[in-house]
């Protein structure tokens, strides 16, 4: 039951306004419009669980197809000083959890089968990597963790790598992604319009690998990007699931009861409007 201490506080203007919908046609065809369309919900998840922290660092993870025995390993890309997601995955699935971060010297969580790698992710060739640090592309990360020949749809991944995600996915062949059943990604800096062609290519690569958007939540540490009647949080956490039925019509993202504010000291960010 919901009470007065409920942490999900929705900002005024949470529901799409009539004016926003009416002026949707003012956004011309092109990379920006196509990118924003790619964030619409195009499949349903029967059961979500929140794995990770109660606020920032917690992610809605779709349980469909994650029955113990089907997933062989998990990846937590970007752990910084907190990574309860790794603990929750291990407790639920009892699989190895590979933790990556070149900006810290040790993992935040040490589950019985967690393995830390002081490396960051980059595109093949190093784009998006951190200078002076160890950077691996996704295919190399899989090889280094013994999953280079993993069966398709046998892995799980959460990624929060502060903007490098756009380089990782836009330059990916798509083949390594097919090894994952589900990926959860925090995408940053949607407002950088000059980067929208790269952002769009990243999303197209993920979708072409068989994934559909199942959930979108805005990070309220950042603001909102608005353009031509469209609105989306500037930093979004997206849950992608593979090989699930498509909705007849993709939908605007909606808050889930399990969503909580990343920053508990301010109100929740409004839902996206993606006509």
C-alpha atoms as a PDB file:
ATOM      1  CA  UNK A   1       0.000   0.000   0.000  1.00  0.00           C
ATOM      2  CA  UNK A   2       1.115   3.504  -0.742  1.00  0.00           C
ATOM      3  CA  UNK A   3       1.613   5.886   2.156  1.00  0.00           C
ATOM      4  CA  UNK A   4       2.807   9.409   2.820  1.00  0.00           C
ATOM      5  CA  UNK A   5       6.457   8.326   2.657  1.00  0.00           C
ATOM      6  CA  UNK A   6       6.201   6.915  -0.847  1.00  0.00           C
ATOM      7  CA  UNK A   7       9.436   7.841  -2.619  1.00  0.00           C
ATOM      8  CA  UNK A   8       7.942   8.008  -6.126  1.00  0.00           C
ATOM      9  CA  UNK A   9       6.972  11.647  -6.379  1.00  0.00           C
ATOM     10  CA  UNK A  10       5.811  12.683  -9.800  1.00  0.00           C
ATOM     11  CA  UNK A  11       6.423  16.221 -10.959  1.00  0.00           C
ATOM     12  CA  UNK A  12       3.614  18.451 -12.098  1.00  0.00           C
ATOM     13  CA  UNK A  13       3.200  17.974 -15.830  1.00  0.00           C
ATOM     14  CA  UNK A  14       3.862  14.235 -15.579  1.00  0.00           C
ATOM     15  CA  UNK A  15       1.107  13.423 -18.082  1.00  0.00           C
ATOM     16  CA  UNK A  16       1.622  14.401 -21.725  1.00  0.00           C
ATOM     17  CA  UNK A  17      -0.004  17.763 -22.353  1.00  0.00           C
ATOM     18  CA  UNK A  18      -2.400  18.332 -25.232  1.00  0.00           C
ATOM     19  CA  UNK A  19      -0.128  21.063 -26.543  1.00  0.00           C
ATOM     20  CA  UNK A  20       2.879  18.736 -26.693  1.00  0.00           C
ATOM     21  CA  UNK A  21       0.917  16.194 -28.683  1.00  0.00           C
ATOM     22  CA  UNK A  22      -0.562  18.827 -30.993  1.00  0.00           C
ATOM     23  CA  UNK A  23       2.810  20.223 -32.017  1.00  0.00           C
ATOM     24  CA  UNK A  24       4.466  16.846 -32.521  1.00  0.00           C
ATOM     25  CA  UNK A  25       4.591  17.436 -36.271  1.00  0.00           C
ATOM     26  CA  UNK A  26       7.002  20.342 -35.785  1.00  0.00           C
ATOM     27  CA  UNK A  27       9.898  17.913 -35.388  1.00  0.00           C
ATOM     28  CA  UNK A  28      11.133  17.168 -38.924  1.00  0.00           C
ATOM     29  CA  UNK A  29      12.186  13.765 -40.157  1.00  0.00           C
ATOM     30  CA  UNK A  30      15.819  13.044 -39.412  1.00  0.00           C
ATOM     31  CA  UNK A  31      18.184  11.507 -36.834  1.00  0.00           C
ATOM     32  CA  UNK A  32      16.649  13.318 -33.853  1.00  0.00           C
ATOM     33  CA  UNK A  33      13.085  12.213 -34.560  1.00  0.00           C
ATOM     34  CA  UNK A  34      14.166   8.657 -35.371  1.00  0.00           C
ATOM     35  CA  UNK A  35      16.266   8.501 -32.211  1.00  0.00           C
ATOM     36  CA  UNK A  36      13.405   9.664 -29.996  1.00  0.00           C
ATOM     37  CA  UNK A  37      11.025   7.168 -31.616  1.00  0.00           C
ATOM     38  CA  UNK A  38      13.482   4.372 -30.799  1.00  0.00           C
ATOM     39  CA  UNK A  39      12.896   4.927 -27.061  1.00  0.00           C
ATOM     40  CA  UNK A  40       9.208   3.972 -27.207  1.00  0.00           C
ATOM     41  CA  UNK A  41       8.005   0.855 -25.383  1.00  0.00           C
ATOM     42  CA  UNK A  42       7.621  -1.916 -27.952  1.00  0.00           C
ATOM     43  CA  UNK A  43       7.189  -5.038 -25.797  1.00  0.00           C
ATOM     44  CA  UNK A  44       5.768  -6.017 -22.419  1.00  0.00           C
ATOM     45  CA  UNK A  45       7.458  -7.670 -19.465  1.00  0.00           C
ATOM     46  CA  UNK A  46       5.216  -9.889 -17.321  1.00  0.00           C
ATOM     47  CA  UNK A  47       7.319  -9.414 -14.186  1.00  0.00           C
ATOM     48  CA  UNK A  48       9.879  -6.798 -13.224  1.00  0.00           C
ATOM     49  CA  UNK A  49      12.052  -6.861 -10.121  1.00  0.00           C
ATOM     50  CA  UNK A  50      14.150  -3.980  -8.907  1.00  0.00           C
ATOM     51  CA  UNK A  51      17.748  -5.120  -8.538  1.00  0.00           C
ATOM     52  CA  UNK A  52      20.362  -2.779  -7.113  1.00  0.00           C
ATOM     53  CA  UNK A  53      20.170   0.185  -4.780  1.00  0.00           C
ATOM     54  CA  UNK A  54      16.945   1.741  -3.580  1.00  0.00           C
ATOM     55  CA  UNK A  55      17.668   4.961  -5.478  1.00  0.00           C
ATOM     56  CA  UNK A  56      20.591   5.644  -7.854  1.00  0.00           C
ATOM     57  CA  UNK A  57      22.090   2.314  -8.904  1.00  0.00           C
ATOM     58  CA  UNK A  58      18.816   0.378  -8.922  1.00  0.00           C
ATOM     59  CA  UNK A  59      17.352  -0.923 -12.186  1.00  0.00           C
ATOM     60  CA  UNK A  60      14.139  -2.646 -13.202  1.00  0.00           C
ATOM     61  CA  UNK A  61      15.187  -6.047 -14.484  1.00  0.00           C
ATOM     62  CA  UNK A  62      12.670  -8.101 -16.455  1.00  0.00           C
ATOM     63  CA  UNK A  63      12.375 -11.615 -15.039  1.00  0.00           C
ATOM     64  CA  UNK A  64      10.864 -13.155 -18.169  1.00  0.00           C
ATOM     65  CA  UNK A  65      13.303 -15.768 -19.423  1.00  0.00           C
ATOM     66  CA  UNK A  66      15.745 -15.300 -16.535  1.00  0.00           C
ATOM     67  CA  UNK A  67      14.876 -18.562 -14.803  1.00  0.00           C
ATOM     68  CA  UNK A  68      17.839 -20.054 -12.976  1.00  0.00           C
ATOM     69  CA  UNK A  69      19.789 -22.283 -15.368  1.00  0.00           C
ATOM     70  CA  UNK A  70      19.010 -20.296 -18.512  1.00  0.00           C
ATOM     71  CA  UNK A  71      21.437 -17.446 -17.752  1.00  0.00           C
ATOM     72  CA  UNK A  72      25.079 -18.551 -17.472  1.00  0.00           C
ATOM     73  CA  UNK A  73      26.814 -15.280 -16.487  1.00  0.00           C
ATOM     74  CA  UNK A  74      26.091 -11.628 -15.818  1.00  0.00           C
ATOM     75  CA  UNK A  75      27.967  -8.378 -16.427  1.00  0.00           C
ATOM     76  CA  UNK A  76      27.916  -5.172 -14.390  1.00  0.00           C
ATOM     77  CA  UNK A  77      29.614  -2.548 -16.538  1.00  0.00           C
ATOM     78  CA  UNK A  78      30.479   0.486 -14.404  1.00  0.00           C
ATOM     79  CA  UNK A  79      30.391  -0.133 -10.651  1.00  0.00           C
ATOM     80  CA  UNK A  80      31.977   2.957  -9.043  1.00  0.00           C
ATOM     81  CA  UNK A  81      31.300   2.905  -5.305  1.00  0.00           C
ATOM     82  CA  UNK A  82      28.041   0.946  -5.296  1.00  0.00           C
ATOM     83  CA  UNK A  83      26.901  -2.159  -7.120  1.00  0.00           C
ATOM     84  CA  UNK A  84      24.164  -3.964  -5.222  1.00  0.00           C
ATOM     85  CA  UNK A  85      22.876  -5.080  -8.615  1.00  0.00           C
ATOM     86  CA  UNK A  86      25.706  -7.657  -8.696  1.00  0.00           C
ATOM     87  CA  UNK A  87      24.680  -9.056  -5.318  1.00  0.00           C
ATOM     88  CA  UNK A  88      21.027  -9.251  -6.302  1.00  0.00           C
ATOM     89  CA  UNK A  89      21.824 -11.023  -9.572  1.00  0.00           C
ATOM     90  CA  UNK A  90      24.029 -13.559  -7.829  1.00  0.00           C
ATOM     91  CA  UNK A  91      21.446 -14.249  -5.108  1.00  0.00           C
ATOM     92  CA  UNK A  92      18.700 -14.759  -7.680  1.00  0.00           C
ATOM     93  CA  UNK A  93      20.542 -16.656 -10.405  1.00  0.00           C
ATOM     94  CA  UNK A  94      23.678 -18.089  -8.727  1.00  0.00           C
ATOM     95  CA  UNK A  95      25.835 -17.295 -11.749  1.00  0.00           C
ATOM     96  CA  UNK A  96      29.247 -15.589 -12.080  1.00  0.00           C
ATOM     97  CA  UNK A  97      28.941 -11.802 -12.130  1.00  0.00           C
ATOM     98  CA  UNK A  98      31.722  -9.947 -13.951  1.00  0.00           C
ATOM     99  CA  UNK A  99      32.220  -6.378 -12.748  1.00  0.00           C
ATOM    100  CA  UNK A 100      34.048  -3.805 -14.887  1.00  0.00           C
ATOM    101  CA  UNK A 101      35.361  -0.359 -13.985  1.00  0.00           C
ATOM    102  CA  UNK A 102      38.763   1.164 -14.749  1.00  0.00           C
ATOM    103  CA  UNK A 103      38.135   4.167 -12.489  1.00  0.00           C
ATOM    104  CA  UNK A 104      38.212   2.251  -9.178  1.00  0.00           C
ATOM    105  CA  UNK A 105      40.668  -0.234  -7.695  1.00  0.00           C
ATOM    106  CA  UNK A 106      38.221  -2.773  -6.310  1.00  0.00           C
ATOM    107  CA  UNK A 107      34.555  -3.762  -6.581  1.00  0.00           C
ATOM    108  CA  UNK A 108      31.902  -2.229  -4.393  1.00  0.00           C
ATOM    109  CA  UNK A 109      30.311  -5.638  -3.788  1.00  0.00           C
ATOM    110  CA  UNK A 110      32.037  -8.986  -3.300  1.00  0.00           C
ATOM    111  CA  UNK A 111      29.508 -11.729  -3.827  1.00  0.00           C
ATOM    112  CA  UNK A 112      30.751 -15.349  -3.673  1.00  0.00           C
ATOM    113  CA  UNK A 113      31.069 -15.539  -7.458  1.00  0.00           C
ATOM    114  CA  UNK A 114      31.733 -11.898  -8.384  1.00  0.00           C
ATOM    115  CA  UNK A 115      34.859 -11.165 -10.437  1.00  0.00           C
ATOM    116  CA  UNK A 116      36.264  -7.647 -10.754  1.00  0.00           C
ATOM    117  CA  UNK A 117      38.173  -6.364 -13.791  1.00  0.00           C
ATOM    118  CA  UNK A 118      39.890  -2.981 -13.652  1.00  0.00           C
ATOM    119  CA  UNK A 119      38.916  -2.202 -17.232  1.00  0.00           C
ATOM    120  CA  UNK A 120      36.446   0.073 -18.977  1.00  0.00           C
ATOM    121  CA  UNK A 121      34.454  -0.513 -22.140  1.00  0.00           C
ATOM    122  CA  UNK A 122      35.148   1.205 -25.436  1.00  0.00           C
ATOM    123  CA  UNK A 123      34.372   0.760 -29.089  1.00  0.00           C
ATOM    124  CA  UNK A 124      36.749  -1.402 -31.142  1.00  0.00           C
ATOM    125  CA  UNK A 125      39.759   0.834 -31.699  1.00  0.00           C
ATOM    126  CA  UNK A 126      39.315   2.648 -28.393  1.00  0.00           C
ATOM    127  CA  UNK A 127      36.661   5.314 -29.072  1.00  0.00           C
ATOM    128  CA  UNK A 128      34.843   6.202 -25.870  1.00  0.00           C
ATOM    129  CA  UNK A 129      37.574   4.738 -23.689  1.00  0.00           C
ATOM    130  CA  UNK A 130      39.395   6.519 -20.884  1.00  0.00           C
ATOM    131  CA  UNK A 131      42.919   7.658 -21.737  1.00  0.00           C
ATOM    132  CA  UNK A 132      45.660   5.963 -19.756  1.00  0.00           C
ATOM    133  CA  UNK A 133      43.349   3.164 -18.566  1.00  0.00           C
ATOM    134  CA  UNK A 134      42.688  -0.371 -19.731  1.00  0.00           C
ATOM    135  CA  UNK A 135      39.824  -0.332 -22.243  1.00  0.00           C
ATOM    136  CA  UNK A 136      38.266  -3.387 -23.876  1.00  0.00           C
ATOM    137  CA  UNK A 137      35.528  -3.592 -26.462  1.00  0.00           C
ATOM    138  CA  UNK A 138      32.568  -5.833 -25.656  1.00  0.00           C
ATOM    139  CA  UNK A 139      33.863  -8.787 -27.631  1.00  0.00           C
ATOM    140  CA  UNK A 140      37.211  -8.641 -25.798  1.00  0.00           C
ATOM    141  CA  UNK A 141      35.426  -8.348 -22.443  1.00  0.00           C
ATOM    142  CA  UNK A 142      33.531 -11.536 -23.219  1.00  0.00           C
ATOM    143  CA  UNK A 143      36.729 -13.342 -24.170  1.00  0.00           C
ATOM    144  CA  UNK A 144      38.545 -12.159 -21.041  1.00  0.00           C
ATOM    145  CA  UNK A 145      35.747 -13.563 -18.879  1.00  0.00           C
ATOM    146  CA  UNK A 146      35.509 -16.924 -20.615  1.00  0.00           C
ATOM    147  CA  UNK A 147      32.262 -16.164 -22.445  1.00  0.00           C
ATOM    148  CA  UNK A 148      33.586 -15.554 -25.937  1.00  0.00           C
ATOM    149  CA  UNK A 149      31.715 -18.612 -27.182  1.00  0.00           C
ATOM    150  CA  UNK A 150      28.651 -18.202 -24.995  1.00  0.00           C
ATOM    151  CA  UNK A 151      25.367 -19.468 -26.370  1.00  0.00           C
ATOM    152  CA  UNK A 152      23.074 -16.786 -27.719  1.00  0.00           C
ATOM    153  CA  UNK A 153      20.669 -15.320 -25.104  1.00  0.00           C
ATOM    154  CA  UNK A 154      22.573 -16.882 -22.199  1.00  0.00           C
ATOM    155  CA  UNK A 155      23.982 -13.681 -20.626  1.00  0.00           C
ATOM    156  CA  UNK A 156      22.657 -10.655 -18.723  1.00  0.00           C
ATOM    157  CA  UNK A 157      24.167  -7.150 -18.608  1.00  0.00           C
ATOM    158  CA  UNK A 158      23.729  -3.848 -16.813  1.00  0.00           C
ATOM    159  CA  UNK A 159      25.715  -0.879 -18.162  1.00  0.00           C
ATOM    160  CA  UNK A 160      26.279   2.581 -16.687  1.00  0.00           C
ATOM    161  CA  UNK A 161      29.499   3.916 -18.194  1.00  0.00           C
ATOM    162  CA  UNK A 162      28.925   7.677 -18.274  1.00  0.00           C
ATOM    163  CA  UNK A 163      28.477   8.287 -21.988  1.00  0.00           C
ATOM    164  CA  UNK A 164      30.824   5.676 -23.454  1.00  0.00           C
ATOM    165  CA  UNK A 165      27.778   3.488 -24.128  1.00  0.00           C
ATOM    166  CA  UNK A 166      27.036   5.410 -27.322  1.00  0.00           C
ATOM    167  CA  UNK A 167      30.466   4.510 -28.749  1.00  0.00           C
ATOM    168  CA  UNK A 168      30.266   0.907 -27.552  1.00  0.00           C
ATOM    169  CA  UNK A 169      26.953   0.228 -29.282  1.00  0.00           C
ATOM    170  CA  UNK A 170      27.275   2.409 -32.378  1.00  0.00           C
ATOM    171  CA  UNK A 171      30.484   0.624 -33.407  1.00  0.00           C
ATOM    172  CA  UNK A 172      29.318  -2.860 -32.413  1.00  0.00           C
ATOM    173  CA  UNK A 173      28.750  -5.490 -35.074  1.00  0.00           C
ATOM    174  CA  UNK A 174      25.728  -6.753 -33.176  1.00  0.00           C
ATOM    175  CA  UNK A 175      27.042 -10.321 -32.914  1.00  0.00           C
ATOM    176  CA  UNK A 176      28.256 -10.024 -29.283  1.00  0.00           C
ATOM    177  CA  UNK A 177      24.908  -8.509 -28.269  1.00  0.00           C
ATOM    178  CA  UNK A 178      23.046 -11.621 -29.389  1.00  0.00           C
ATOM    179  CA  UNK A 179      24.712 -13.514 -26.551  1.00  0.00           C
ATOM    180  CA  UNK A 180      22.590 -11.480 -24.107  1.00  0.00           C
ATOM    181  CA  UNK A 181      18.999 -12.170 -23.159  1.00  0.00           C
ATOM    182  CA  UNK A 182      18.590  -8.760 -21.529  1.00  0.00           C
ATOM    183  CA  UNK A 183      20.598  -5.563 -21.329  1.00  0.00           C
ATOM    184  CA  UNK A 184      19.935  -2.586 -19.086  1.00  0.00           C
ATOM    185  CA  UNK A 185      21.660   0.613 -20.143  1.00  0.00           C
ATOM    186  CA  UNK A 186      21.829   4.108 -18.711  1.00  0.00           C
ATOM    187  CA  UNK A 187      22.109   6.474 -21.674  1.00  0.00           C
ATOM    188  CA  UNK A 188      23.554   9.949 -21.080  1.00  0.00           C
ATOM    189  CA  UNK A 189      23.354  13.432 -22.625  1.00  0.00           C
ATOM    190  CA  UNK A 190      20.382  13.037 -24.933  1.00  0.00           C
ATOM    191  CA  UNK A 191      20.489  16.813 -25.484  1.00  0.00           C
ATOM    192  CA  UNK A 192      23.711  16.616 -27.542  1.00  0.00           C
ATOM    193  CA  UNK A 193      21.995  16.977 -30.900  1.00  0.00           C
ATOM    194  CA  UNK A 194      25.228  16.925 -32.888  1.00  0.00           C
ATOM    195  CA  UNK A 195      25.718  13.366 -31.605  1.00  0.00           C
ATOM    196  CA  UNK A 196      22.250  12.151 -32.546  1.00  0.00           C
ATOM    197  CA  UNK A 197      23.438  10.304 -35.680  1.00  0.00           C
ATOM    198  CA  UNK A 198      25.798   8.257 -33.470  1.00  0.00           C
ATOM    199  CA  UNK A 199      23.108   7.790 -30.819  1.00  0.00           C
ATOM    200  CA  UNK A 200      20.650   6.587 -33.452  1.00  0.00           C
ATOM    201  CA  UNK A 201      23.156   4.103 -34.839  1.00  0.00           C
ATOM    202  CA  UNK A 202      23.703   2.752 -31.312  1.00  0.00           C
ATOM    203  CA  UNK A 203      19.979   2.224 -30.797  1.00  0.00           C
ATOM    204  CA  UNK A 204      19.577   0.688 -34.239  1.00  0.00           C
ATOM    205  CA  UNK A 205      22.373  -1.780 -33.475  1.00  0.00           C
ATOM    206  CA  UNK A 206      20.696  -2.876 -30.248  1.00  0.00           C
ATOM    207  CA  UNK A 207      17.275  -3.240 -31.857  1.00  0.00           C
ATOM    208  CA  UNK A 208      18.697  -5.087 -34.871  1.00  0.00           C
ATOM    209  CA  UNK A 209      20.251  -7.612 -32.472  1.00  0.00           C
ATOM    210  CA  UNK A 210      16.727  -8.694 -31.518  1.00  0.00           C
ATOM    211  CA  UNK A 211      16.039  -6.429 -28.538  1.00  0.00           C
ATOM    212  CA  UNK A 212      12.949  -4.356 -27.805  1.00  0.00           C
ATOM    213  CA  UNK A 213      12.471  -1.565 -25.283  1.00  0.00           C
ATOM    214  CA  UNK A 214      10.508  -2.856 -22.283  1.00  0.00           C
ATOM    215  CA  UNK A 215      11.001  -0.041 -19.775  1.00  0.00           C
ATOM    216  CA  UNK A 216      12.299   3.531 -19.630  1.00  0.00           C
ATOM    217  CA  UNK A 217      13.012   5.531 -16.476  1.00  0.00           C
ATOM    218  CA  UNK A 218      14.500   9.004 -16.258  1.00  0.00           C
ATOM    219  CA  UNK A 219      17.367   9.833 -13.916  1.00  0.00           C
ATOM    220  CA  UNK A 220      16.344  12.946 -11.992  1.00  0.00           C
ATOM    221  CA  UNK A 221      19.942  13.974 -11.347  1.00  0.00           C
ATOM    222  CA  UNK A 222      19.707  15.375 -14.891  1.00  0.00           C
ATOM    223  CA  UNK A 223      17.074  17.485 -16.633  1.00  0.00           C
ATOM    224  CA  UNK A 224      14.782  16.992 -19.597  1.00  0.00           C
ATOM    225  CA  UNK A 225      15.414  17.333 -23.331  1.00  0.00           C
ATOM    226  CA  UNK A 226      12.504  18.771 -25.326  1.00  0.00           C
ATOM    227  CA  UNK A 227      12.269  19.282 -29.064  1.00  0.00           C
ATOM    228  CA  UNK A 228       9.348  19.877 -31.400  1.00  0.00           C
ATOM    229  CA  UNK A 229       6.697  18.408 -29.108  1.00  0.00           C
ATOM    230  CA  UNK A 230       8.863  15.528 -27.909  1.00  0.00           C
ATOM    231  CA  UNK A 231      10.178  15.234 -24.368  1.00  0.00           C
ATOM    232  CA  UNK A 232      12.563  12.768 -22.743  1.00  0.00           C
ATOM    233  CA  UNK A 233      14.816  12.795 -19.679  1.00  0.00           C
ATOM    234  CA  UNK A 234      18.371  13.757 -20.584  1.00  0.00           C
ATOM    235  CA  UNK A 235      19.622  10.610 -18.832  1.00  0.00           C
ATOM    236  CA  UNK A 236      17.491   7.479 -19.239  1.00  0.00           C
ATOM    237  CA  UNK A 237      17.714   3.945 -17.893  1.00  0.00           C
ATOM    238  CA  UNK A 238      16.392   1.509 -20.480  1.00  0.00           C
ATOM    239  CA  UNK A 239      15.596  -2.175 -20.087  1.00  0.00           C
ATOM    240  CA  UNK A 240      15.911  -4.085 -23.368  1.00  0.00           C
ATOM    241  CA  UNK A 241      14.689  -7.676 -23.664  1.00  0.00           C
ATOM    242  CA  UNK A 242      15.322 -10.039 -26.555  1.00  0.00           C
ATOM    243  CA  UNK A 243      13.085 -12.317 -28.548  1.00  0.00           C
ATOM    244  CA  UNK A 244       9.769 -11.213 -27.070  1.00  0.00           C
ATOM    245  CA  UNK A 245       6.516 -10.447 -28.915  1.00  0.00           C
ATOM    246  CA  UNK A 246       6.194  -6.929 -30.246  1.00  0.00           C
ATOM    247  CA  UNK A 247       3.305  -4.690 -29.277  1.00  0.00           C
ATOM    248  CA  UNK A 248       0.890  -3.908 -32.081  1.00  0.00           C
ATOM    249  CA  UNK A 249       1.776  -0.239 -31.553  1.00  0.00           C
ATOM    250  CA  UNK A 250       4.745   1.057 -29.583  1.00  0.00           C
ATOM    251  CA  UNK A 251       3.814   3.240 -26.611  1.00  0.00           C
ATOM    252  CA  UNK A 252       4.985   6.173 -24.558  1.00  0.00           C
ATOM    253  CA  UNK A 253       7.034   5.065 -21.535  1.00  0.00           C
ATOM    254  CA  UNK A 254       5.164   5.001 -18.227  1.00  0.00           C
ATOM    255  CA  UNK A 255       6.389   4.851 -14.641  1.00  0.00           C
ATOM    256  CA  UNK A 256       6.332   1.453 -12.980  1.00  0.00           C
ATOM    257  CA  UNK A 257       5.416   1.124  -9.305  1.00  0.00           C
ATOM    258  CA  UNK A 258       8.951  -0.211  -8.704  1.00  0.00           C
ATOM    259  CA  UNK A 259      10.561   2.951 -10.079  1.00  0.00           C
ATOM    260  CA  UNK A 260      12.079   5.281  -7.501  1.00  0.00           C
ATOM    261  CA  UNK A 261      13.860   8.597  -7.788  1.00  0.00           C
ATOM    262  CA  UNK A 262      17.611   8.408  -8.368  1.00  0.00           C
ATOM    263  CA  UNK A 263      18.054  11.563  -6.309  1.00  0.00           C
ATOM    264  CA  UNK A 264      15.795  11.285  -3.226  1.00  0.00           C
ATOM    265  CA  UNK A 265      16.207  14.983  -2.474  1.00  0.00           C
ATOM    266  CA  UNK A 266      14.130  16.194  -5.409  1.00  0.00           C
ATOM    267  CA  UNK A 267      10.966  15.261  -7.277  1.00  0.00           C
ATOM    268  CA  UNK A 268      10.722  12.590  -9.939  1.00  0.00           C
ATOM    269  CA  UNK A 269      11.303  13.626 -13.528  1.00  0.00           C
ATOM    270  CA  UNK A 270       8.253  13.574 -15.869  1.00  0.00           C
ATOM    271  CA  UNK A 271       7.646  10.655 -18.204  1.00  0.00           C
ATOM    272  CA  UNK A 272       8.704  10.877 -21.830  1.00  0.00           C
ATOM    273  CA  UNK A 273       6.365  12.170 -24.537  1.00  0.00           C
ATOM    274  CA  UNK A 274       7.259  10.443 -27.826  1.00  0.00           C
ATOM    275  CA  UNK A 275       4.331  10.918 -30.277  1.00  0.00           C
END
